[in-house]
């Protein structure tokens, strides 16, 4: 199976204030070009799982593979580089730097990766903004644009290093239905036109129903891997 991301027997406990078994024996994979969503009630472990899958949380047992490479057990420095290069992340809140321009915000992860010249990064960033129909906002300060536009800038930023998988934690949770639809269509186009894999945690059933697969979680377990 050509998985870009694979979790095997992932377990996690929270130890404070008392021991809580938050994830139990999670085993599943996301295939190349697949658009999958994770659904479940609040407290079912969705976001906790996503933070492990995105390599931001390393306090778990089991094994995580990204592009067939075992990433469990790598140093924080190695993980930071792997994450920056391979995983795009879109949150419910956009986390843009308000004093920076839209273009500068999009360029940041590529500057951190430092594999391209500044001119090349700027060209790539403009290309991503054009692709999302917000190229005209490039020189605007991030604080000056609308909520829907900010989320599109956040998506452009997540795509700047051409990741193999895009992850989202409630990426439409803060948007009205019009902008939610925009985000869904952007994700669908990324899958169809670029073969990008997507894994999105959402409460939005309408959003989830139109994706390739819904992974249902309950009490820290996956009901339908």
N, C-alpha and C. Protein backbone atom coordinates (compact mmCIF):
# COMPACT_ATOMS: atom_id res chain seq x y z
N UNK A 1 0.85 -1.19 0.00
CA UNK A 1 0.00 0.00 0.00
C UNK A 1 0.89 1.25 0.00
N UNK A 2 0.58 2.21 -0.88
CA UNK A 2 1.44 3.40 -0.94
C UNK A 2 0.96 4.47 0.04
N UNK A 3 1.35 4.31 1.31
CA UNK A 3 0.97 5.28 2.34
C UNK A 3 1.99 6.42 2.39
N UNK A 4 1.50 7.66 2.50
CA UNK A 4 2.44 8.76 2.78
C UNK A 4 2.61 8.90 4.30
N UNK A 5 1.58 8.47 5.03
CA UNK A 5 1.61 8.56 6.48
C UNK A 5 1.03 7.28 7.05
N UNK A 6 1.72 6.69 8.01
CA UNK A 6 1.21 5.46 8.60
C UNK A 6 1.47 5.45 10.11
N UNK A 7 0.41 5.18 10.87
CA UNK A 7 0.52 5.05 12.32
C UNK A 7 0.35 3.58 12.68
N UNK A 8 1.23 3.07 13.52
CA UNK A 8 1.11 1.67 13.95
C UNK A 8 1.10 1.59 15.47
N UNK A 9 -0.02 1.09 16.00
CA UNK A 9 -0.16 0.83 17.45
C UNK A 9 0.21 2.03 18.32
N UNK A 10 -0.29 3.20 17.93
CA UNK A 10 0.00 4.41 18.70
C UNK A 10 -0.84 4.43 19.99
N UNK A 11 -0.15 4.58 21.11
CA UNK A 11 -0.80 4.71 22.41
C UNK A 11 -0.29 5.98 23.08
N UNK A 12 -1.17 6.65 23.79
CA UNK A 12 -0.73 7.83 24.54
C UNK A 12 -1.49 7.94 25.84
N UNK A 13 -0.77 8.32 26.89
CA UNK A 13 -1.37 8.58 28.21
C UNK A 13 -1.11 10.03 28.59
N UNK A 14 -2.07 10.65 29.22
CA UNK A 14 -1.81 11.89 29.96
C UNK A 14 -1.61 11.46 31.40
N UNK A 15 -0.56 11.96 32.04
CA UNK A 15 -0.25 11.48 33.39
C UNK A 15 -0.73 12.41 34.50
N UNK A 16 -1.13 13.63 34.13
CA UNK A 16 -1.58 14.58 35.14
C UNK A 16 -2.98 15.05 34.79
N UNK A 17 -3.84 15.33 35.74
CA UNK A 17 -3.66 15.15 37.19
C UNK A 17 -3.65 13.67 37.59
N UNK A 18 -4.35 12.81 36.77
CA UNK A 18 -4.20 11.38 37.04
C UNK A 18 -4.05 10.69 35.69
N UNK A 19 -3.65 9.43 35.70
CA UNK A 19 -3.40 8.73 34.44
C UNK A 19 -4.67 8.64 33.58
N UNK A 20 -4.55 9.07 32.34
CA UNK A 20 -5.68 9.00 31.41
C UNK A 20 -5.17 8.45 30.08
N UNK A 21 -5.75 7.32 29.68
CA UNK A 21 -5.33 6.65 28.44
C UNK A 21 -6.06 7.31 27.27
N UNK A 22 -5.40 8.29 26.63
CA UNK A 22 -6.11 9.15 25.67
C UNK A 22 -6.18 8.54 24.26
N UNK A 23 -5.15 7.81 23.85
CA UNK A 23 -5.18 7.13 22.53
C UNK A 23 -4.86 5.65 22.73
N UNK A 24 -5.66 4.79 22.11
CA UNK A 24 -5.50 3.35 22.32
C UNK A 24 -5.28 2.62 21.01
N UNK A 25 -4.07 2.12 20.82
CA UNK A 25 -3.76 1.21 19.71
C UNK A 25 -4.25 1.74 18.36
N UNK A 26 -3.82 2.95 18.02
CA UNK A 26 -4.24 3.58 16.76
C UNK A 26 -3.38 3.05 15.61
N UNK A 27 -4.01 2.39 14.67
CA UNK A 27 -3.30 1.89 13.49
C UNK A 27 -4.12 2.23 12.24
N UNK A 28 -3.53 3.06 11.38
CA UNK A 28 -4.18 3.38 10.10
C UNK A 28 -3.17 4.11 9.22
N UNK A 29 -3.51 4.31 7.95
CA UNK A 29 -2.62 5.03 7.06
C UNK A 29 -3.39 5.97 6.14
N UNK A 30 -2.69 6.95 5.60
CA UNK A 30 -3.26 7.85 4.59
C UNK A 30 -2.50 7.61 3.30
N UNK A 31 -3.24 7.28 2.25
CA UNK A 31 -2.62 6.95 0.96
C UNK A 31 -2.25 8.21 0.18
N UNK A 32 -1.36 8.04 -0.76
CA UNK A 32 -0.97 9.15 -1.62
C UNK A 32 -2.20 9.65 -2.37
N UNK A 33 -2.43 10.96 -2.32
CA UNK A 33 -3.56 11.54 -3.05
C UNK A 33 -4.91 11.33 -2.39
N UNK A 34 -4.92 10.87 -1.13
CA UNK A 34 -6.18 10.64 -0.44
C UNK A 34 -6.57 11.87 0.39
N UNK A 35 -7.86 12.19 0.41
CA UNK A 35 -8.39 13.28 1.22
C UNK A 35 -9.24 12.64 2.31
N UNK A 36 -8.67 12.54 3.52
CA UNK A 36 -9.34 11.86 4.63
C UNK A 36 -9.67 12.85 5.74
N UNK A 37 -10.78 12.58 6.44
CA UNK A 37 -11.14 13.41 7.59
C UNK A 37 -11.25 12.55 8.83
N UNK A 38 -10.96 13.16 9.99
CA UNK A 38 -11.13 12.50 11.27
C UNK A 38 -12.28 13.19 11.99
N UNK A 39 -13.26 12.39 12.40
CA UNK A 39 -14.41 12.93 13.12
C UNK A 39 -14.60 12.21 14.45
N UNK A 40 -15.30 12.86 15.37
CA UNK A 40 -15.58 12.26 16.68
C UNK A 40 -15.97 13.35 17.64
N UNK A 41 -16.60 12.98 18.72
CA UNK A 41 -17.04 13.97 19.71
C UNK A 41 -15.84 14.67 20.33
N UNK A 42 -16.09 15.79 20.95
CA UNK A 42 -15.04 16.48 21.71
C UNK A 42 -14.50 15.52 22.76
N UNK A 43 -13.18 15.47 22.89
CA UNK A 43 -12.57 14.59 23.89
C UNK A 43 -12.32 13.18 23.39
N UNK A 44 -12.60 12.92 22.10
CA UNK A 44 -12.38 11.55 21.59
C UNK A 44 -10.92 11.31 21.21
N UNK A 45 -10.10 12.37 21.23
CA UNK A 45 -8.66 12.20 20.96
C UNK A 45 -8.21 12.68 19.59
N UNK A 46 -9.10 13.34 18.85
CA UNK A 46 -8.79 13.74 17.46
C UNK A 46 -7.57 14.66 17.37
N UNK A 47 -7.62 15.76 18.12
CA UNK A 47 -6.52 16.73 18.02
C UNK A 47 -5.23 16.17 18.60
N UNK A 48 -5.36 15.38 19.68
CA UNK A 48 -4.18 14.74 20.27
C UNK A 48 -3.50 13.85 19.22
N UNK A 49 -4.32 13.09 18.50
CA UNK A 49 -3.78 12.21 17.46
C UNK A 49 -3.10 13.03 16.36
N UNK A 50 -3.75 14.12 15.95
CA UNK A 50 -3.20 14.94 14.87
C UNK A 50 -1.84 15.51 15.25
N UNK A 51 -1.68 15.92 16.52
CA UNK A 51 -0.39 16.48 16.94
C UNK A 51 0.71 15.42 16.95
N UNK A 52 0.34 14.19 17.22
CA UNK A 52 1.33 13.10 17.12
C UNK A 52 1.67 12.84 15.66
N UNK A 53 0.64 12.77 14.81
CA UNK A 53 0.85 12.50 13.38
C UNK A 53 1.68 13.59 12.71
N UNK A 54 1.55 14.82 13.22
CA UNK A 54 2.29 15.93 12.63
C UNK A 54 3.70 16.05 13.21
N UNK A 55 4.09 15.11 14.06
CA UNK A 55 5.42 15.02 14.72
C UNK A 55 5.65 16.11 15.77
N UNK A 56 4.62 16.87 16.13
CA UNK A 56 4.80 17.93 17.13
C UNK A 56 4.80 17.36 18.55
N UNK A 57 4.10 16.23 18.74
CA UNK A 57 4.06 15.57 20.05
C UNK A 57 4.79 14.23 19.91
N UNK A 58 5.82 14.04 20.71
CA UNK A 58 6.62 12.81 20.60
C UNK A 58 6.44 11.89 21.81
N UNK A 59 5.53 12.27 22.71
CA UNK A 59 5.35 11.49 23.94
C UNK A 59 4.26 10.43 23.72
N UNK A 60 4.64 9.34 23.06
CA UNK A 60 3.68 8.25 22.77
C UNK A 60 4.47 6.96 22.57
N UNK A 61 3.75 5.84 22.56
CA UNK A 61 4.40 4.58 22.17
C UNK A 61 3.77 4.13 20.85
N UNK A 62 4.48 3.26 20.14
CA UNK A 62 4.04 2.86 18.80
C UNK A 62 4.99 3.44 17.77
N UNK A 63 4.60 3.39 16.50
CA UNK A 63 5.50 3.84 15.44
C UNK A 63 4.76 4.70 14.43
N UNK A 64 5.45 5.76 13.99
CA UNK A 64 4.89 6.66 12.98
C UNK A 64 5.84 6.71 11.78
N UNK A 65 5.28 6.50 10.61
CA UNK A 65 6.06 6.51 9.37
C UNK A 65 5.57 7.64 8.47
N UNK A 66 6.52 8.36 7.89
CA UNK A 66 6.20 9.42 6.94
C UNK A 66 6.99 9.13 5.67
N UNK A 67 6.27 8.97 4.56
CA UNK A 67 6.93 8.58 3.30
C UNK A 67 7.80 7.33 3.50
N UNK A 68 7.25 6.34 4.21
CA UNK A 68 7.89 5.04 4.47
C UNK A 68 9.11 5.12 5.37
N UNK A 69 9.36 6.30 5.95
CA UNK A 69 10.51 6.45 6.84
C UNK A 69 10.01 6.52 8.29
N UNK A 70 10.63 5.75 9.17
CA UNK A 70 10.26 5.78 10.58
C UNK A 70 10.69 7.12 11.18
N UNK A 71 9.72 7.89 11.69
CA UNK A 71 10.09 9.18 12.29
C UNK A 71 10.08 9.12 13.83
N UNK A 72 9.45 8.10 14.39
CA UNK A 72 9.46 7.92 15.84
C UNK A 72 10.90 7.76 16.33
N UNK A 73 11.23 8.50 17.39
CA UNK A 73 12.56 8.35 17.98
C UNK A 73 13.60 9.32 17.43
N UNK A 74 13.23 10.11 16.43
CA UNK A 74 14.20 11.09 15.90
C UNK A 74 14.30 12.29 16.85
N UNK A 75 15.39 13.04 16.75
CA UNK A 75 15.59 14.20 17.63
C UNK A 75 14.63 15.32 17.24
N UNK A 76 14.44 16.26 18.15
CA UNK A 76 13.55 17.40 17.87
C UNK A 76 14.03 18.20 16.67
N UNK A 77 15.35 18.30 16.54
CA UNK A 77 15.93 19.03 15.41
C UNK A 77 15.61 18.32 14.08
N UNK A 78 15.79 17.01 14.07
CA UNK A 78 15.47 16.22 12.86
C UNK A 78 13.99 16.33 12.53
N UNK A 79 13.15 16.23 13.57
CA UNK A 79 11.70 16.28 13.36
C UNK A 79 11.27 17.65 12.83
N UNK A 80 11.89 18.68 13.34
CA UNK A 80 11.55 20.04 12.90
C UNK A 80 11.79 20.18 11.39
N UNK A 81 12.89 19.62 10.94
CA UNK A 81 13.22 19.68 9.51
C UNK A 81 12.26 18.81 8.68
N UNK A 82 12.00 17.59 9.16
CA UNK A 82 11.09 16.67 8.46
C UNK A 82 9.70 17.31 8.34
N UNK A 83 9.25 17.91 9.45
CA UNK A 83 7.93 18.54 9.50
C UNK A 83 7.84 19.72 8.53
N UNK A 84 8.86 20.55 8.56
CA UNK A 84 8.86 21.75 7.72
C UNK A 84 8.87 21.39 6.23
N UNK A 85 9.55 20.31 5.92
CA UNK A 85 9.70 19.90 4.51
C UNK A 85 8.50 19.10 3.98
N UNK A 86 7.91 18.28 4.85
CA UNK A 86 6.92 17.30 4.37
C UNK A 86 5.48 17.54 4.78
N UNK A 87 5.27 18.35 5.82
CA UNK A 87 3.90 18.51 6.35
C UNK A 87 3.49 19.97 6.31
N UNK A 88 2.36 20.23 5.65
CA UNK A 88 1.75 21.56 5.72
C UNK A 88 0.68 21.50 6.79
N UNK A 89 0.51 22.57 7.56
CA UNK A 89 -0.46 22.53 8.66
C UNK A 89 -1.36 23.75 8.60
N UNK A 90 -2.68 23.52 8.65
CA UNK A 90 -3.65 24.61 8.67
C UNK A 90 -4.50 24.47 9.92
N UNK A 91 -4.47 25.48 10.77
CA UNK A 91 -5.20 25.44 12.04
C UNK A 91 -6.56 26.14 11.91
N UNK A 92 -7.34 26.08 12.98
CA UNK A 92 -8.61 26.82 13.01
C UNK A 92 -8.31 28.32 12.99
N UNK A 93 -7.29 28.72 13.72
CA UNK A 93 -6.86 30.12 13.71
C UNK A 93 -5.62 30.20 12.85
N UNK A 94 -5.51 31.24 12.08
CA UNK A 94 -4.49 31.28 11.00
C UNK A 94 -3.08 31.51 11.49
N UNK A 95 -2.91 32.12 12.69
CA UNK A 95 -1.57 32.40 13.24
C UNK A 95 -0.66 33.14 12.27
N UNK A 96 -1.20 34.14 11.58
CA UNK A 96 -0.35 34.97 10.71
C UNK A 96 0.31 36.04 11.58
N UNK A 97 1.47 36.50 11.14
CA UNK A 97 2.14 37.59 11.84
C UNK A 97 1.57 38.89 11.29
N UNK A 98 0.81 39.59 12.14
CA UNK A 98 -0.01 40.70 11.63
C UNK A 98 0.82 41.87 11.12
N UNK A 99 2.05 42.04 11.64
CA UNK A 99 2.85 43.19 11.19
C UNK A 99 3.59 42.89 9.88
N UNK A 100 3.58 41.63 9.45
CA UNK A 100 4.22 41.24 8.19
C UNK A 100 3.21 41.34 7.06
N UNK A 101 3.73 41.45 5.84
CA UNK A 101 2.84 41.42 4.67
C UNK A 101 2.39 39.98 4.42
N UNK A 102 1.35 39.86 3.61
CA UNK A 102 0.85 38.54 3.21
C UNK A 102 1.98 37.72 2.59
N UNK A 103 2.72 38.34 1.68
CA UNK A 103 3.83 37.64 1.00
C UNK A 103 4.88 37.16 2.00
N UNK A 104 5.26 38.03 2.93
CA UNK A 104 6.28 37.65 3.93
C UNK A 104 5.81 36.48 4.78
N UNK A 105 4.54 36.47 5.16
CA UNK A 105 3.99 35.36 5.94
C UNK A 105 4.12 34.04 5.19
N UNK A 106 3.80 34.06 3.92
CA UNK A 106 3.84 32.82 3.12
C UNK A 106 5.28 32.34 2.94
N UNK A 107 6.23 33.27 2.86
CA UNK A 107 7.63 32.91 2.63
C UNK A 107 8.33 32.30 3.86
N UNK A 108 7.79 32.57 5.05
CA UNK A 108 8.51 32.21 6.30
C UNK A 108 8.97 30.75 6.39
N UNK A 109 8.09 29.74 6.16
CA UNK A 109 8.56 28.36 6.32
C UNK A 109 9.66 27.98 5.32
N UNK A 110 9.63 28.58 4.13
CA UNK A 110 10.67 28.28 3.13
C UNK A 110 11.99 28.93 3.51
N UNK A 111 11.91 30.10 4.13
CA UNK A 111 13.14 30.74 4.61
C UNK A 111 13.77 29.91 5.72
N UNK A 112 12.90 29.35 6.57
CA UNK A 112 13.39 28.50 7.67
C UNK A 112 14.06 27.25 7.12
N UNK A 113 13.48 26.67 6.07
CA UNK A 113 14.04 25.45 5.47
C UNK A 113 15.36 25.75 4.76
N UNK A 114 15.44 26.96 4.18
CA UNK A 114 16.67 27.47 3.56
C UNK A 114 17.25 26.57 2.46
N UNK A 115 16.37 26.05 1.61
CA UNK A 115 16.85 25.24 0.48
C UNK A 115 16.83 26.02 -0.83
N UNK A 116 16.23 27.21 -0.82
CA UNK A 116 16.12 28.01 -2.04
C UNK A 116 16.59 29.44 -1.78
N UNK A 117 16.88 30.14 -2.85
CA UNK A 117 17.26 31.55 -2.71
C UNK A 117 16.02 32.36 -2.35
N UNK A 118 16.25 33.54 -1.81
CA UNK A 118 15.14 34.42 -1.46
C UNK A 118 14.27 34.75 -2.66
N UNK A 119 14.92 34.98 -3.80
CA UNK A 119 14.18 35.32 -5.02
C UNK A 119 13.28 34.16 -5.45
N UNK A 120 13.79 32.94 -5.32
CA UNK A 120 13.03 31.75 -5.69
C UNK A 120 11.84 31.56 -4.73
N UNK A 121 12.11 31.79 -3.44
CA UNK A 121 11.05 31.65 -2.43
C UNK A 121 9.94 32.67 -2.70
N UNK A 122 10.35 33.89 -3.02
CA UNK A 122 9.35 34.93 -3.31
C UNK A 122 8.51 34.56 -4.53
N UNK A 123 9.17 34.04 -5.55
CA UNK A 123 8.46 33.62 -6.77
C UNK A 123 7.46 32.49 -6.44
N UNK A 124 7.92 31.50 -5.66
CA UNK A 124 7.05 30.39 -5.27
C UNK A 124 5.85 30.88 -4.45
N UNK A 125 6.12 31.82 -3.53
CA UNK A 125 5.06 32.34 -2.66
C UNK A 125 4.01 33.07 -3.49
N UNK A 126 4.46 33.88 -4.44
CA UNK A 126 3.50 34.60 -5.31
C UNK A 126 2.67 33.62 -6.12
N UNK A 127 3.32 32.56 -6.57
CA UNK A 127 2.64 31.52 -7.35
C UNK A 127 1.53 30.86 -6.51
N UNK A 128 1.85 30.56 -5.26
CA UNK A 128 0.85 29.93 -4.36
C UNK A 128 -0.32 30.90 -4.12
N UNK A 129 0.00 32.17 -3.92
CA UNK A 129 -1.06 33.17 -3.69
C UNK A 129 -1.95 33.31 -4.93
N UNK A 130 -1.33 33.30 -6.11
CA UNK A 130 -2.11 33.38 -7.36
C UNK A 130 -3.02 32.16 -7.49
N UNK A 131 -2.47 31.00 -7.17
CA UNK A 131 -3.23 29.75 -7.28
C UNK A 131 -4.49 29.81 -6.40
N UNK A 132 -4.39 30.51 -5.26
CA UNK A 132 -5.52 30.62 -4.34
C UNK A 132 -6.31 31.91 -4.57
N UNK A 133 -6.02 32.58 -5.69
CA UNK A 133 -6.75 33.79 -6.12
C UNK A 133 -6.62 34.95 -5.13
N UNK A 134 -5.46 35.04 -4.49
CA UNK A 134 -5.23 36.18 -3.58
C UNK A 134 -3.89 36.85 -3.88
N UNK A 135 -3.41 36.69 -5.10
CA UNK A 135 -2.14 37.31 -5.48
C UNK A 135 -2.15 38.82 -5.30
N UNK A 136 -3.33 39.42 -5.49
CA UNK A 136 -3.46 40.89 -5.37
C UNK A 136 -3.26 41.38 -3.93
N UNK A 137 -3.25 40.45 -2.98
CA UNK A 137 -3.09 40.85 -1.56
C UNK A 137 -1.64 40.77 -1.09
N UNK A 138 -0.72 40.37 -1.98
CA UNK A 138 0.66 40.06 -1.58
C UNK A 138 1.30 41.14 -0.70
N UNK A 139 1.09 42.40 -1.04
CA UNK A 139 1.78 43.48 -0.31
C UNK A 139 0.97 44.04 0.86
N UNK A 140 -0.25 43.54 1.04
CA UNK A 140 -1.07 44.00 2.16
C UNK A 140 -0.51 43.48 3.48
N UNK A 141 -0.70 44.25 4.53
CA UNK A 141 -0.35 43.72 5.86
C UNK A 141 -1.39 42.69 6.24
N UNK A 142 -0.94 41.62 6.89
CA UNK A 142 -1.83 40.51 7.22
C UNK A 142 -2.99 40.95 8.11
N UNK A 143 -2.77 42.00 8.90
CA UNK A 143 -3.83 42.47 9.81
C UNK A 143 -4.96 43.16 9.06
N UNK A 144 -4.72 43.48 7.78
CA UNK A 144 -5.66 44.30 7.02
C UNK A 144 -6.67 43.50 6.18
N UNK A 145 -6.52 42.18 6.13
CA UNK A 145 -7.36 41.40 5.22
C UNK A 145 -8.46 40.64 5.99
N UNK A 146 -9.46 40.14 5.28
CA UNK A 146 -10.62 39.50 5.92
C UNK A 146 -10.27 38.11 6.47
N UNK A 147 -11.17 37.56 7.29
CA UNK A 147 -10.96 36.24 7.88
C UNK A 147 -10.79 35.14 6.85
N UNK A 148 -11.65 35.16 5.83
CA UNK A 148 -11.56 34.15 4.77
C UNK A 148 -10.25 34.26 4.00
N UNK A 149 -9.81 35.51 3.77
CA UNK A 149 -8.53 35.72 3.07
C UNK A 149 -7.36 35.26 3.93
N UNK A 150 -7.46 35.51 5.23
CA UNK A 150 -6.38 35.07 6.14
C UNK A 150 -6.22 33.55 6.09
N UNK A 151 -7.34 32.83 6.06
CA UNK A 151 -7.24 31.37 6.03
C UNK A 151 -6.62 30.91 4.72
N UNK A 152 -6.89 31.63 3.62
CA UNK A 152 -6.26 31.27 2.34
C UNK A 152 -4.76 31.56 2.37
N UNK A 153 -4.38 32.63 3.04
CA UNK A 153 -2.95 32.93 3.20
C UNK A 153 -2.29 31.82 4.02
N UNK A 154 -2.98 31.36 5.07
CA UNK A 154 -2.45 30.27 5.90
C UNK A 154 -2.28 28.99 5.08
N UNK A 155 -3.20 28.75 4.14
CA UNK A 155 -3.08 27.57 3.27
C UNK A 155 -1.88 27.74 2.34
N UNK A 156 -1.72 28.93 1.77
CA UNK A 156 -0.56 29.19 0.90
C UNK A 156 0.74 28.96 1.66
N UNK A 157 0.78 29.43 2.91
CA UNK A 157 1.97 29.25 3.76
C UNK A 157 2.23 27.76 4.00
N UNK A 158 1.15 26.99 4.22
CA UNK A 158 1.30 25.54 4.47
C UNK A 158 1.81 24.81 3.23
N UNK A 159 1.61 25.42 2.05
CA UNK A 159 1.99 24.75 0.80
C UNK A 159 3.36 25.18 0.26
N UNK A 160 3.97 26.17 0.88
CA UNK A 160 5.16 26.80 0.30
C UNK A 160 6.32 25.82 0.09
N UNK A 161 6.46 24.82 0.95
CA UNK A 161 7.57 23.86 0.79
C UNK A 161 7.14 22.59 0.03
N UNK A 162 6.00 22.68 -0.66
CA UNK A 162 5.47 21.54 -1.43
C UNK A 162 5.45 20.26 -0.59
N UNK A 163 4.65 20.27 0.49
CA UNK A 163 4.62 19.11 1.39
C UNK A 163 4.00 17.88 0.73
N UNK A 164 4.22 16.70 1.31
CA UNK A 164 3.57 15.49 0.79
C UNK A 164 2.20 15.31 1.40
N UNK A 165 1.97 15.94 2.58
CA UNK A 165 0.65 15.85 3.20
C UNK A 165 0.29 17.18 3.84
N UNK A 166 -0.98 17.54 3.70
CA UNK A 166 -1.50 18.75 4.34
C UNK A 166 -2.43 18.30 5.46
N UNK A 167 -2.17 18.80 6.67
CA UNK A 167 -3.01 18.45 7.82
C UNK A 167 -3.78 19.69 8.26
N UNK A 168 -5.02 19.47 8.71
CA UNK A 168 -5.82 20.59 9.17
C UNK A 168 -6.51 20.25 10.47
N UNK A 169 -6.48 21.19 11.42
CA UNK A 169 -7.21 21.01 12.67
C UNK A 169 -8.36 22.01 12.68
N UNK A 170 -9.56 21.54 12.36
CA UNK A 170 -10.75 22.40 12.26
C UNK A 170 -10.50 23.62 11.37
N UNK A 171 -9.98 23.43 10.14
CA UNK A 171 -9.59 24.59 9.33
C UNK A 171 -10.75 25.48 8.91
N UNK A 172 -12.00 24.96 9.01
CA UNK A 172 -13.16 25.80 8.67
C UNK A 172 -13.94 26.20 9.92
N UNK A 173 -13.42 25.83 11.11
CA UNK A 173 -14.15 26.04 12.37
C UNK A 173 -14.47 27.48 12.67
N UNK A 174 -13.71 28.39 12.11
CA UNK A 174 -13.89 29.81 12.41
C UNK A 174 -14.50 30.59 11.25
N UNK A 175 -14.94 29.86 10.21
CA UNK A 175 -15.36 30.53 8.97
C UNK A 175 -16.87 30.39 8.75
N UNK A 176 -17.45 31.35 8.03
CA UNK A 176 -18.86 31.22 7.63
C UNK A 176 -18.97 30.20 6.50
N UNK A 177 -20.22 29.88 6.11
CA UNK A 177 -20.41 28.78 5.15
C UNK A 177 -19.77 29.08 3.79
N UNK A 178 -19.79 30.33 3.37
CA UNK A 178 -19.19 30.69 2.08
C UNK A 178 -17.68 30.42 2.08
N UNK A 179 -17.01 30.88 3.15
CA UNK A 179 -15.56 30.69 3.23
C UNK A 179 -15.19 29.23 3.52
N UNK A 180 -16.06 28.52 4.25
CA UNK A 180 -15.83 27.09 4.48
C UNK A 180 -15.85 26.34 3.14
N UNK A 181 -16.80 26.70 2.31
CA UNK A 181 -16.92 26.08 0.98
C UNK A 181 -15.67 26.37 0.15
N UNK A 182 -15.18 27.60 0.25
CA UNK A 182 -13.94 27.97 -0.46
C UNK A 182 -12.78 27.08 -0.04
N UNK A 183 -12.63 26.91 1.28
CA UNK A 183 -11.53 26.09 1.80
C UNK A 183 -11.68 24.64 1.33
N UNK A 184 -12.91 24.12 1.39
CA UNK A 184 -13.13 22.75 0.93
C UNK A 184 -12.72 22.60 -0.54
N UNK A 185 -13.13 23.55 -1.36
CA UNK A 185 -12.81 23.47 -2.79
C UNK A 185 -11.32 23.58 -3.07
N UNK A 186 -10.64 24.41 -2.28
CA UNK A 186 -9.18 24.52 -2.41
C UNK A 186 -8.54 23.16 -2.10
N UNK A 187 -8.96 22.54 -1.00
CA UNK A 187 -8.41 21.23 -0.61
C UNK A 187 -8.69 20.17 -1.69
N UNK A 188 -9.91 20.18 -2.20
CA UNK A 188 -10.30 19.19 -3.22
C UNK A 188 -9.45 19.36 -4.49
N UNK A 189 -9.22 20.62 -4.87
CA UNK A 189 -8.38 20.88 -6.05
C UNK A 189 -6.94 20.45 -5.83
N UNK A 190 -6.43 20.66 -4.62
CA UNK A 190 -5.05 20.24 -4.31
C UNK A 190 -4.91 18.74 -4.46
N UNK A 191 -5.93 18.01 -4.03
CA UNK A 191 -5.93 16.55 -4.16
C UNK A 191 -6.01 16.16 -5.63
N UNK A 192 -6.95 16.76 -6.34
CA UNK A 192 -7.21 16.33 -7.72
C UNK A 192 -6.15 16.79 -8.70
N UNK A 193 -5.65 18.02 -8.51
CA UNK A 193 -4.72 18.57 -9.50
C UNK A 193 -3.26 18.31 -9.15
N UNK A 194 -2.97 18.18 -7.85
CA UNK A 194 -1.56 18.01 -7.47
C UNK A 194 -1.28 16.69 -6.77
N UNK A 195 -2.33 15.89 -6.58
CA UNK A 195 -2.13 14.59 -5.94
C UNK A 195 -1.71 14.69 -4.48
N UNK A 196 -2.07 15.82 -3.86
CA UNK A 196 -1.68 16.02 -2.46
C UNK A 196 -2.55 15.15 -1.55
N UNK A 197 -1.95 14.62 -0.50
CA UNK A 197 -2.70 13.88 0.53
C UNK A 197 -3.16 14.89 1.58
N UNK A 198 -4.38 14.70 2.08
CA UNK A 198 -4.90 15.61 3.10
C UNK A 198 -5.52 14.82 4.25
N UNK A 199 -5.27 15.29 5.47
CA UNK A 199 -5.87 14.68 6.66
C UNK A 199 -6.38 15.82 7.53
N UNK A 200 -7.71 15.88 7.69
CA UNK A 200 -8.34 17.03 8.34
C UNK A 200 -9.24 16.58 9.50
N UNK A 201 -8.99 17.15 10.67
CA UNK A 201 -9.90 16.96 11.81
C UNK A 201 -11.02 17.99 11.66
N UNK A 202 -12.27 17.53 11.71
CA UNK A 202 -13.38 18.47 11.56
C UNK A 202 -14.61 18.02 12.36
N UNK A 203 -15.44 19.00 12.71
CA UNK A 203 -16.76 18.72 13.30
C UNK A 203 -17.83 18.86 12.22
N UNK A 204 -17.43 19.36 11.06
CA UNK A 204 -18.37 19.71 10.00
C UNK A 204 -18.71 18.49 9.16
N UNK A 205 -19.90 17.96 9.40
CA UNK A 205 -20.30 16.72 8.73
C UNK A 205 -20.41 16.89 7.21
N UNK A 206 -20.92 18.05 6.78
CA UNK A 206 -21.06 18.30 5.33
C UNK A 206 -19.70 18.29 4.65
N UNK A 207 -18.72 18.87 5.33
CA UNK A 207 -17.34 18.89 4.82
C UNK A 207 -16.83 17.45 4.71
N UNK A 208 -16.98 16.70 5.81
CA UNK A 208 -16.42 15.34 5.88
C UNK A 208 -17.05 14.40 4.86
N UNK A 209 -18.36 14.53 4.67
CA UNK A 209 -19.08 13.62 3.77
C UNK A 209 -18.57 13.67 2.34
N UNK A 210 -17.99 14.81 1.97
CA UNK A 210 -17.53 14.97 0.58
C UNK A 210 -16.06 14.59 0.39
N UNK A 211 -15.44 14.07 1.44
CA UNK A 211 -14.04 13.64 1.31
C UNK A 211 -14.01 12.14 0.99
N UNK A 212 -12.81 11.62 0.72
CA UNK A 212 -12.68 10.21 0.30
C UNK A 212 -13.03 9.24 1.43
N UNK A 213 -12.74 9.65 2.67
CA UNK A 213 -12.90 8.70 3.77
C UNK A 213 -13.05 9.45 5.09
N UNK A 214 -13.98 8.97 5.91
CA UNK A 214 -14.14 9.52 7.26
C UNK A 214 -13.59 8.49 8.25
N UNK A 215 -12.62 8.92 9.06
CA UNK A 215 -12.07 8.07 10.11
C UNK A 215 -12.78 8.47 11.40
N UNK A 216 -13.57 7.56 11.93
CA UNK A 216 -14.41 7.87 13.09
C UNK A 216 -13.68 7.51 14.38
N UNK A 217 -13.60 8.46 15.30
CA UNK A 217 -12.94 8.20 16.59
C UNK A 217 -13.91 8.25 17.76
N UNK A 218 -13.67 7.40 18.73
CA UNK A 218 -14.46 7.40 19.95
C UNK A 218 -13.59 6.88 21.09
N UNK A 219 -13.58 7.61 22.20
CA UNK A 219 -12.81 7.18 23.39
C UNK A 219 -11.37 6.78 23.06
N UNK A 220 -10.72 7.58 22.23
CA UNK A 220 -9.31 7.32 21.93
C UNK A 220 -9.04 6.17 20.99
N UNK A 221 -10.10 5.66 20.37
CA UNK A 221 -9.92 4.55 19.43
C UNK A 221 -10.50 4.91 18.07
N UNK A 222 -9.95 4.27 17.03
CA UNK A 222 -10.52 4.43 15.69
C UNK A 222 -11.50 3.30 15.48
N UNK A 223 -12.72 3.67 15.08
CA UNK A 223 -13.76 2.65 14.92
C UNK A 223 -13.70 1.97 13.55
N UNK A 224 -13.12 2.68 12.55
CA UNK A 224 -13.15 2.13 11.19
C UNK A 224 -11.84 2.42 10.44
N UNK A 225 -10.73 1.80 10.85
CA UNK A 225 -9.45 2.12 10.20
C UNK A 225 -9.48 1.81 8.72
